[in-house]
């Protein structure tokens, strides 16, 4: 039994079953035992790999997108360049290297990294050692107000979700309970309908069959709302994650350990937990908070529109044969529909006043 499992066992004994959201929050974010607080989960030695770690082209295109949005909206100073869940800092470093080609951009921004992991903060500091204006925050609310360019790559998928099951009694909450006979956590169900069902999309809530599982992430909706509110000062946000365009029923909660899927209730605190992002719900939350969502479009379409193949070819022109093989394979992994190309989606968010006249590049 892991230390976190012992902690959860005590919590359940004292306070009763946990929602899936509370379980995820503890498994990933417990200050002492949480998955993201205790390790660098990225790369071959970790549990998973994200797009910035696969190819520099990903971050470079986003950096150019940010710089172009800055130019289109007046090239103002004092802009906050914000990343949510910055990993090792690879994405931000690639963004800044590419965006530095835009005259004046680096002088106009301050860099804000929203990260709770001490381990990853150290890695980010090393990756961004060349840049003086970097500040770390535990959450977005700590970032100073003002014009903002924000990126969140594979951030929302790790935020806690509630899982609901449609029964004859209504949408009941899926719970984590402790099975005394096996001394292990198992899934159970609330005895009655959950008020969380009010957050489900109407088509899901009304049309799903008995036994269907639906997911909702109040944490993701809160983040989308805060981003939208902050964008009333300008400029834009870019959200990249795996998920689906339209709200739908389905059980997408998964655990990943050593680059392979694992049982969700095994190795608690030692495996990553994620769920697919409901982009329709995120877009609705942003719109209700006064901003305009654009997309989502597939990562493939976004990268191709911004010139991924041209950048790939420029890298290939000065690569060794061994390097060329890696460059081709890595870019293909990001855009191939059979890999990350269509599973991953990209959504931009801008203030309503900017939306009609200035649709973002790629959208």
Protein backbone atom coordinates (compact mmCIF):
# COMPACT_ATOMS: atom_id res chain seq x y z
CA UNK A 1 0.00 0.00 0.00
CA UNK A 2 1.44 3.38 -0.99
CA UNK A 3 1.56 6.23 1.56
CA UNK A 4 -1.19 7.99 -0.36
CA UNK A 5 -3.39 4.89 -0.26
CA UNK A 6 -2.99 4.77 3.50
CA UNK A 7 -3.97 8.44 3.66
CA UNK A 8 -7.06 7.88 1.49
CA UNK A 9 -8.07 4.87 3.58
CA UNK A 10 -8.07 7.08 6.69
CA UNK A 11 -10.00 9.82 4.89
CA UNK A 12 -12.71 7.41 3.76
CA UNK A 13 -12.94 5.87 7.24
CA UNK A 14 -13.41 9.30 8.81
CA UNK A 15 -15.47 11.18 6.22
CA UNK A 16 -17.01 8.55 3.95
CA UNK A 17 -16.60 7.79 0.23
CA UNK A 18 -14.71 10.17 -2.05
CA UNK A 19 -15.98 11.57 -5.32
CA UNK A 20 -13.78 10.79 -8.30
CA UNK A 21 -12.87 14.49 -8.32
CA UNK A 22 -11.67 14.39 -4.71
CA UNK A 23 -9.78 11.17 -5.41
CA UNK A 24 -8.01 12.71 -8.42
CA UNK A 25 -7.18 15.88 -6.52
CA UNK A 26 -5.49 13.87 -3.77
CA UNK A 27 -3.77 11.39 -6.09
CA UNK A 28 -2.24 14.12 -8.23
CA UNK A 29 -1.91 17.08 -5.91
CA UNK A 30 -1.52 15.95 -2.29
CA UNK A 31 1.22 18.28 -0.94
CA UNK A 32 3.36 15.42 0.36
CA UNK A 33 2.40 12.32 -1.63
CA UNK A 34 0.70 13.63 -4.79
CA UNK A 35 1.94 12.37 -8.14
CA UNK A 36 2.86 15.80 -9.53
CA UNK A 37 4.45 16.99 -6.29
CA UNK A 38 6.99 14.19 -6.03
CA UNK A 39 8.56 13.59 -9.46
CA UNK A 40 9.37 14.61 -12.99
CA UNK A 41 6.80 12.48 -14.86
CA UNK A 42 8.02 13.30 -18.38
CA UNK A 43 10.24 11.51 -20.84
CA UNK A 44 11.41 7.93 -21.22
CA UNK A 45 12.34 7.71 -17.54
CA UNK A 46 8.90 8.98 -16.57
CA UNK A 47 5.37 7.91 -17.41
CA UNK A 48 4.39 9.95 -20.49
CA UNK A 49 5.69 12.35 -23.12
CA UNK A 50 4.05 15.60 -24.25
CA UNK A 51 4.22 17.36 -27.62
CA UNK A 52 6.95 19.86 -26.66
CA UNK A 53 9.20 16.96 -25.64
CA UNK A 54 8.54 15.21 -28.95
CA UNK A 55 9.46 18.02 -31.34
CA UNK A 56 10.70 21.60 -31.05
CA UNK A 57 8.42 22.47 -33.97
CA UNK A 58 5.37 22.35 -31.68
CA UNK A 59 6.62 25.04 -29.31
CA UNK A 60 8.12 27.15 -32.07
CA UNK A 61 4.80 27.38 -33.90
CA UNK A 62 2.98 28.36 -30.72
CA UNK A 63 5.64 30.97 -29.99
CA UNK A 64 5.17 32.48 -33.43
CA UNK A 65 1.38 32.39 -32.91
CA UNK A 66 1.78 34.31 -29.64
CA UNK A 67 4.09 36.89 -31.22
CA UNK A 68 1.73 37.40 -34.15
CA UNK A 69 -1.27 37.84 -31.82
CA UNK A 70 0.77 40.42 -29.91
CA UNK A 71 1.55 42.29 -33.13
CA UNK A 72 -2.05 42.15 -34.37
CA UNK A 73 -3.27 43.66 -31.12
CA UNK A 74 -1.03 46.69 -30.97
CA UNK A 75 2.38 45.44 -29.81
CA UNK A 76 1.70 46.79 -26.32
CA UNK A 77 4.09 46.51 -23.38
CA UNK A 78 3.53 44.86 -20.02
CA UNK A 79 1.96 41.73 -21.49
CA UNK A 80 1.92 38.65 -19.26
CA UNK A 81 3.05 35.52 -21.11
CA UNK A 82 1.53 32.74 -19.01
CA UNK A 83 1.84 28.97 -19.16
CA UNK A 84 -0.35 26.64 -17.13
CA UNK A 85 1.32 23.35 -16.19
CA UNK A 86 4.66 24.09 -17.89
CA UNK A 87 6.25 20.64 -17.54
CA UNK A 88 10.02 20.93 -17.82
CA UNK A 89 9.85 24.38 -19.40
CA UNK A 90 10.53 22.99 -22.86
CA UNK A 91 7.44 24.53 -24.44
CA UNK A 92 8.13 28.00 -23.05
CA UNK A 93 11.80 27.85 -24.06
CA UNK A 94 10.88 26.85 -27.63
CA UNK A 95 8.17 29.53 -27.74
CA UNK A 96 10.53 32.27 -26.62
CA UNK A 97 13.27 31.24 -29.03
CA UNK A 98 10.88 31.47 -31.97
CA UNK A 99 8.99 34.54 -30.76
CA UNK A 100 12.25 36.45 -30.27
CA UNK A 101 12.29 36.88 -34.05
CA UNK A 102 9.44 39.37 -33.64
CA UNK A 103 11.12 42.74 -32.93
CA UNK A 104 10.23 44.07 -29.48
CA UNK A 105 8.33 41.01 -28.28
CA UNK A 106 10.71 39.85 -25.55
CA UNK A 107 10.99 43.40 -24.17
CA UNK A 108 7.20 43.69 -24.04
CA UNK A 109 6.48 40.60 -21.93
CA UNK A 110 6.98 39.18 -18.49
CA UNK A 111 6.95 35.37 -18.12
CA UNK A 112 4.65 33.66 -15.64
CA UNK A 113 4.78 29.93 -14.95
CA UNK A 114 1.84 28.40 -13.07
CA UNK A 115 3.35 25.32 -11.45
CA UNK A 116 2.95 23.62 -8.06
CA UNK A 117 5.69 20.96 -8.36
CA UNK A 118 9.05 21.92 -6.79
CA UNK A 119 10.76 19.32 -8.98
CA UNK A 120 9.34 20.74 -12.20
CA UNK A 121 9.97 24.33 -11.10
CA UNK A 122 13.66 23.52 -10.86
CA UNK A 123 13.63 22.03 -14.36
CA UNK A 124 11.78 25.07 -15.70
CA UNK A 125 14.30 27.40 -14.10
CA UNK A 126 17.12 25.60 -15.87
CA UNK A 127 15.30 25.66 -19.22
CA UNK A 128 14.62 29.41 -18.90
CA UNK A 129 17.92 30.45 -17.33
CA UNK A 130 18.58 32.86 -20.20
CA UNK A 131 15.46 34.90 -19.41
CA UNK A 132 15.41 37.28 -16.45
CA UNK A 133 11.72 38.11 -16.20
CA UNK A 134 10.33 34.74 -15.02
CA UNK A 135 7.97 34.39 -12.05
CA UNK A 136 6.38 31.24 -10.65
CA UNK A 137 2.85 30.98 -9.24
CA UNK A 138 0.79 28.24 -7.61
CA UNK A 139 -2.34 29.22 -9.56
CA UNK A 140 -3.59 31.63 -12.20
CA UNK A 141 -5.16 33.97 -9.64
CA UNK A 142 -1.65 34.95 -8.51
CA UNK A 143 -0.67 36.24 -11.96
CA UNK A 144 -0.94 40.06 -12.01
CA UNK A 145 -3.85 41.56 -13.93
CA UNK A 146 -3.26 43.02 -17.35
CA UNK A 147 -3.01 41.98 -20.97
CA UNK A 148 -2.25 38.29 -21.24
CA UNK A 149 -1.06 35.69 -23.70
CA UNK A 150 -1.71 32.27 -22.19
CA UNK A 151 -0.97 28.71 -23.24
CA UNK A 152 -2.23 25.54 -21.55
CA UNK A 153 -0.88 22.37 -23.15
CA UNK A 154 -2.13 19.12 -21.59
CA UNK A 155 -3.24 20.99 -18.50
CA UNK A 156 -7.01 20.60 -18.41
CA UNK A 157 -6.86 16.81 -18.87
CA UNK A 158 -5.25 16.43 -15.44
CA UNK A 159 -7.84 18.52 -13.58
CA UNK A 160 -10.28 16.57 -11.39
CA UNK A 161 -13.52 15.27 -12.91
CA UNK A 162 -16.77 14.02 -11.46
CA UNK A 163 -18.11 10.82 -12.98
CA UNK A 164 -21.86 10.24 -13.04
CA UNK A 165 -23.77 7.09 -13.94
CA UNK A 166 -27.32 7.25 -15.26
CA UNK A 167 -29.65 5.03 -13.23
CA UNK A 168 -33.38 4.69 -12.71
CA UNK A 169 -32.93 7.18 -9.84
CA UNK A 170 -31.19 9.71 -12.06
CA UNK A 171 -27.53 10.60 -12.49
CA UNK A 172 -25.74 9.10 -9.46
CA UNK A 173 -22.19 10.00 -8.45
CA UNK A 174 -19.45 7.45 -8.94
CA UNK A 175 -17.53 7.15 -5.67
CA UNK A 176 -14.30 5.68 -4.36
CA UNK A 177 -15.01 3.49 -1.34
CA UNK A 178 -12.82 1.18 0.73
CA UNK A 179 -13.41 -2.56 0.48
CA UNK A 180 -12.56 -3.99 3.92
CA UNK A 181 -12.49 -7.56 2.61
CA UNK A 182 -9.62 -6.85 0.20
CA UNK A 183 -8.24 -3.78 1.98
CA UNK A 184 -8.33 -1.97 -1.35
CA UNK A 185 -10.21 0.98 -2.85
CA UNK A 186 -13.06 0.15 -5.24
CA UNK A 187 -15.68 2.11 -7.11
CA UNK A 188 -19.19 2.49 -5.72
CA UNK A 189 -22.24 4.63 -6.45
CA UNK A 190 -24.14 7.26 -4.49
CA UNK A 191 -27.59 6.14 -3.32
CA UNK A 192 -29.35 9.01 -5.05
CA UNK A 193 -29.03 11.52 -7.87
CA UNK A 194 -26.17 14.01 -7.68
CA UNK A 195 -26.63 17.79 -8.05
CA UNK A 196 -23.52 17.74 -10.26
CA UNK A 197 -25.77 16.49 -13.07
CA UNK A 198 -26.84 20.12 -13.53
CA UNK A 199 -23.43 20.77 -15.08
CA UNK A 200 -23.94 18.15 -17.79
CA UNK A 201 -24.77 19.27 -21.30
CA UNK A 202 -28.49 19.01 -22.01
CA UNK A 203 -28.08 16.38 -24.73
CA UNK A 204 -26.02 14.18 -22.40
CA UNK A 205 -28.27 14.61 -19.39
CA UNK A 206 -31.50 13.91 -21.25
CA UNK A 207 -30.60 11.45 -23.97
CA UNK A 208 -28.11 9.03 -22.41
CA UNK A 209 -29.17 5.44 -21.76
CA UNK A 210 -29.36 3.75 -18.38
CA UNK A 211 -25.85 2.71 -17.38
CA UNK A 212 -24.14 5.48 -19.33
CA UNK A 213 -21.21 7.25 -17.69
CA UNK A 214 -20.76 10.99 -18.07
CA UNK A 215 -17.98 13.26 -16.89
CA UNK A 216 -17.86 16.90 -15.86
CA UNK A 217 -14.95 18.97 -14.62
CA UNK A 218 -15.93 22.02 -12.55
CA UNK A 219 -12.22 22.75 -12.16
CA UNK A 220 -11.78 23.02 -15.94
CA UNK A 221 -14.86 25.22 -16.24
CA UNK A 222 -13.53 27.48 -13.48
CA UNK A 223 -10.18 27.81 -15.29
CA UNK A 224 -11.95 28.63 -18.57
CA UNK A 225 -14.06 31.23 -16.78
CA UNK A 226 -11.05 32.89 -15.17
CA UNK A 227 -9.12 32.95 -18.45
CA UNK A 228 -12.11 34.55 -20.20
CA UNK A 229 -12.52 37.19 -17.52
CA UNK A 230 -8.85 38.11 -17.61
CA UNK A 231 -8.90 38.39 -21.39
CA UNK A 232 -11.22 41.38 -21.17
CA UNK A 233 -7.96 43.30 -20.81
CA UNK A 234 -6.62 41.49 -23.98
CA UNK A 235 -5.04 39.46 -25.75
CA UNK A 236 -5.58 35.68 -26.20
CA UNK A 237 -5.30 32.17 -24.81
CA UNK A 238 -4.47 28.89 -26.53
CA UNK A 239 -5.63 25.57 -25.07
CA UNK A 240 -4.19 22.32 -26.46
CA UNK A 241 -5.30 18.95 -25.14
CA UNK A 242 -6.79 15.61 -26.05
CA UNK A 243 -10.54 15.39 -25.97
CA UNK A 244 -13.69 15.77 -27.99
CA UNK A 245 -15.39 18.65 -29.76
CA UNK A 246 -18.94 17.96 -28.63
CA UNK A 247 -20.19 16.98 -25.18
CA UNK A 248 -20.92 13.26 -25.01
CA UNK A 249 -21.29 10.44 -22.51
CA UNK A 250 -18.30 8.17 -21.95
CA UNK A 251 -15.82 6.94 -19.37
CA UNK A 252 -12.42 8.43 -20.29
CA UNK A 253 -10.67 8.38 -16.90
CA UNK A 254 -7.33 6.63 -17.29
CA UNK A 255 -4.11 5.98 -15.42
CA UNK A 256 -0.71 5.88 -17.13
CA UNK A 257 2.46 4.43 -15.65
CA UNK A 258 5.70 3.71 -17.50
CA UNK A 259 4.14 4.80 -20.80
CA UNK A 260 1.35 2.22 -20.54
CA UNK A 261 -2.20 2.16 -19.23
CA UNK A 262 -2.73 0.97 -15.67
CA UNK A 263 -5.78 0.32 -13.45
CA UNK A 264 -7.05 3.62 -12.10
CA UNK A 265 -7.18 2.45 -8.48
CA UNK A 266 -3.75 0.79 -8.48
CA UNK A 267 -0.48 2.56 -7.61
CA UNK A 268 -2.31 5.61 -6.28
CA UNK A 269 0.09 8.54 -6.24
CA UNK A 270 2.52 6.62 -8.45
CA UNK A 271 0.63 6.89 -11.77
CA UNK A 272 -0.72 9.78 -13.80
CA UNK A 273 -4.49 10.27 -13.96
CA UNK A 274 -6.20 12.07 -16.83
CA UNK A 275 -9.53 12.36 -18.63
CA UNK A 276 -10.51 13.67 -22.04
CA UNK A 277 -11.35 17.36 -22.20
CA UNK A 278 -14.90 18.36 -23.13
CA UNK A 279 -14.03 21.30 -25.38
CA UNK A 280 -17.67 22.18 -25.92
CA UNK A 281 -18.11 22.66 -22.16
CA UNK A 282 -14.89 24.68 -21.93
CA UNK A 283 -16.03 26.87 -24.81
CA UNK A 284 -19.44 27.44 -23.21
CA UNK A 285 -17.82 28.46 -19.94
CA UNK A 286 -15.56 30.94 -21.73
CA UNK A 287 -18.47 32.39 -23.70
CA UNK A 288 -20.64 32.75 -20.59
CA UNK A 289 -17.79 34.68 -18.98
CA UNK A 290 -17.69 37.18 -21.83
CA UNK A 291 -15.05 35.83 -24.20
CA UNK A 292 -15.16 34.19 -27.62
CA UNK A 293 -13.89 30.64 -28.15
CA UNK A 294 -12.47 29.71 -31.55
CA UNK A 295 -12.46 26.08 -32.58
CA UNK A 296 -11.58 23.57 -31.44
CA UNK A 297 -9.67 22.42 -34.47
CA UNK A 298 -7.41 19.40 -34.64
CA UNK A 299 -3.77 19.73 -33.69
CA UNK A 300 -2.97 18.50 -37.20
CA UNK A 301 -4.89 21.33 -38.87
CA UNK A 302 -3.47 23.94 -36.50
CA UNK A 303 0.14 22.88 -37.03
CA UNK A 304 -0.16 22.47 -40.79
CA UNK A 305 -1.84 25.87 -41.16
CA UNK A 306 0.95 27.51 -39.17
CA UNK A 307 3.64 25.94 -41.35
CA UNK A 308 4.78 22.80 -39.53
CA UNK A 309 6.02 21.14 -42.70
CA UNK A 310 7.96 24.23 -43.79
CA UNK A 311 9.69 24.36 -40.41
CA UNK A 312 10.35 20.61 -40.57
CA UNK A 313 11.94 20.99 -43.99
CA UNK A 314 14.13 23.88 -42.77
CA UNK A 315 15.42 21.69 -39.95
CA UNK A 316 15.99 18.79 -42.33
CA UNK A 317 18.10 20.97 -44.63
CA UNK A 318 20.86 21.18 -42.04
CA UNK A 319 20.38 17.85 -40.26
CA UNK A 320 22.56 14.77 -40.26
CA UNK A 321 20.91 11.56 -41.53
CA UNK A 322 20.33 10.40 -37.96
CA UNK A 323 18.86 13.76 -36.97
CA UNK A 324 16.70 13.83 -40.08
CA UNK A 325 15.09 10.54 -39.14
CA UNK A 326 14.18 11.87 -35.68
CA UNK A 327 12.85 15.15 -37.09
CA UNK A 328 10.60 13.41 -39.61
CA UNK A 329 9.29 10.87 -37.12
CA UNK A 330 8.60 13.40 -34.38
CA UNK A 331 6.71 15.88 -36.55
CA UNK A 332 4.73 13.04 -38.10
CA UNK A 333 3.75 11.84 -34.63
CA UNK A 334 2.26 15.24 -33.85
CA UNK A 335 0.20 15.54 -37.04
CA UNK A 336 -0.65 11.95 -38.00
CA UNK A 337 -4.38 11.22 -37.54
CA UNK A 338 -3.42 7.75 -36.25
CA UNK A 339 -1.27 9.27 -33.50
CA UNK A 340 -1.75 12.75 -31.97
CA UNK A 341 -3.00 14.63 -35.02
CA UNK A 342 -6.76 14.41 -34.52
CA UNK A 343 -7.13 13.18 -30.93
CA UNK A 344 -5.55 16.44 -29.77
CA UNK A 345 -7.55 19.63 -30.26
CA UNK A 346 -6.65 23.32 -30.17
CA UNK A 347 -8.96 26.08 -28.94
CA UNK A 348 -8.22 29.81 -28.91
CA UNK A 349 -10.04 32.24 -26.64
CA UNK A 350 -10.20 35.99 -27.23
CA UNK A 351 -12.19 38.91 -25.87
CA UNK A 352 -15.53 39.44 -27.62
CA UNK A 353 -14.48 42.87 -28.85
CA UNK A 354 -11.58 41.32 -30.77
CA UNK A 355 -13.26 38.25 -32.17
CA UNK A 356 -15.01 39.43 -35.31
CA UNK A 357 -12.30 41.74 -36.65
CA UNK A 358 -9.30 39.64 -35.68
CA UNK A 359 -9.84 35.89 -35.85
CA UNK A 360 -6.69 34.21 -34.58
CA UNK A 361 -4.22 32.71 -37.06
CA UNK A 362 -5.13 29.12 -37.84
CA UNK A 363 -8.79 29.54 -36.96
